[in-house]
Amino acid sequence: MSEQEKIALYSRLSEAMRRSTLRMLERKAKLGEKVVIAYADGRPIEILASDALKLYQLKQ
């Protein structure tokens, strides 16, 4: 696999992960569910999916 093919593959994988994360957060937000995220130091925290969705969209 050439370097360009690897770059294209990783780009497609990153985009697929972004889309699936967004869909999961949207679905959980509609259902009023919570998700577990982590602080930068690795400590987990449970928040509403709607709040996580807002944070995720700000990062994009």
Protein backbone atom coordinates (compact mmCIF):
# COMPACT_ATOMS: atom_id res chain seq x y z
CA MET A 1 0.00 0.00 0.00
CA SER A 2 1.47 3.32 -1.07
CA GLU A 3 1.73 6.33 1.21
CA GLN A 4 -1.03 8.14 -0.71
CA GLU A 5 -3.33 5.13 -0.35
CA LYS A 6 -2.69 5.05 3.40
CA ILE A 7 -3.49 8.76 3.70
CA ALA A 8 -6.73 8.30 1.75
CA LEU A 9 -7.69 5.29 3.89
CA TYR A 10 -7.10 7.13 7.16
CA SER A 11 -9.02 10.11 5.85
CA ARG A 12 -12.02 7.92 4.99
CA LEU A 13 -11.84 6.19 8.37
CA SER A 14 -11.72 9.51 10.22
CA GLU A 15 -14.75 10.79 8.32
CA ALA A 16 -16.69 7.58 9.00
CA MET A 17 -15.91 7.84 12.73
CA ARG A 18 -17.00 11.48 12.78
CA ARG A 19 -20.32 10.67 11.08
CA SER A 20 -21.07 7.68 13.29
CA THR A 21 -20.26 9.61 16.48
CA LEU A 22 -22.51 12.45 15.38
CA ARG A 23 -25.38 10.06 14.57
CA MET A 24 -25.01 8.28 17.91
CA LEU A 25 -25.06 11.55 19.87
CA GLU A 26 -28.08 12.82 17.92
CA ARG A 27 -29.99 9.58 18.56
CA LYS A 28 -29.17 9.55 22.28
CA ALA A 29 -30.03 13.26 22.61
CA LYS A 30 -33.49 12.63 21.10
CA LEU A 31 -34.05 9.84 23.62
CA GLY A 32 -32.83 11.97 26.55
CA GLU A 33 -30.02 9.54 27.35
CA LYS A 34 -26.63 10.16 28.90
CA VAL A 35 -23.15 9.40 27.58
CA VAL A 36 -19.81 8.93 29.28
CA ILE A 37 -16.96 11.19 28.19
CA ALA A 38 -13.54 11.79 29.71
CA TYR A 39 -11.67 14.83 30.90
CA ALA A 40 -8.23 15.44 29.37
CA ASP A 41 -6.65 13.65 32.34
CA GLY A 42 -8.79 10.55 31.69
CA ARG A 43 -11.35 10.92 34.48
CA PRO A 44 -14.78 9.81 33.19
CA ILE A 45 -17.89 11.96 33.54
CA GLU A 46 -21.51 11.20 32.65
CA ILE A 47 -23.41 14.00 30.89
CA LEU A 48 -26.60 14.36 28.87
CA ALA A 49 -26.14 13.43 25.23
CA SER A 50 -27.62 16.78 24.22
CA ASP A 51 -24.80 18.56 26.09
CA ALA A 52 -22.22 16.21 24.57
CA LEU A 53 -23.65 16.92 21.12
CA LYS A 54 -23.25 20.66 21.65
CA LEU A 55 -19.63 20.15 22.74
CA TYR A 56 -18.95 17.85 19.79
CA GLN A 57 -20.39 20.33 17.30
CA LEU A 58 -18.28 23.15 18.77
CA LYS A 59 -15.14 21.06 18.22
CA GLN A 60 -15.93 20.54 14.54
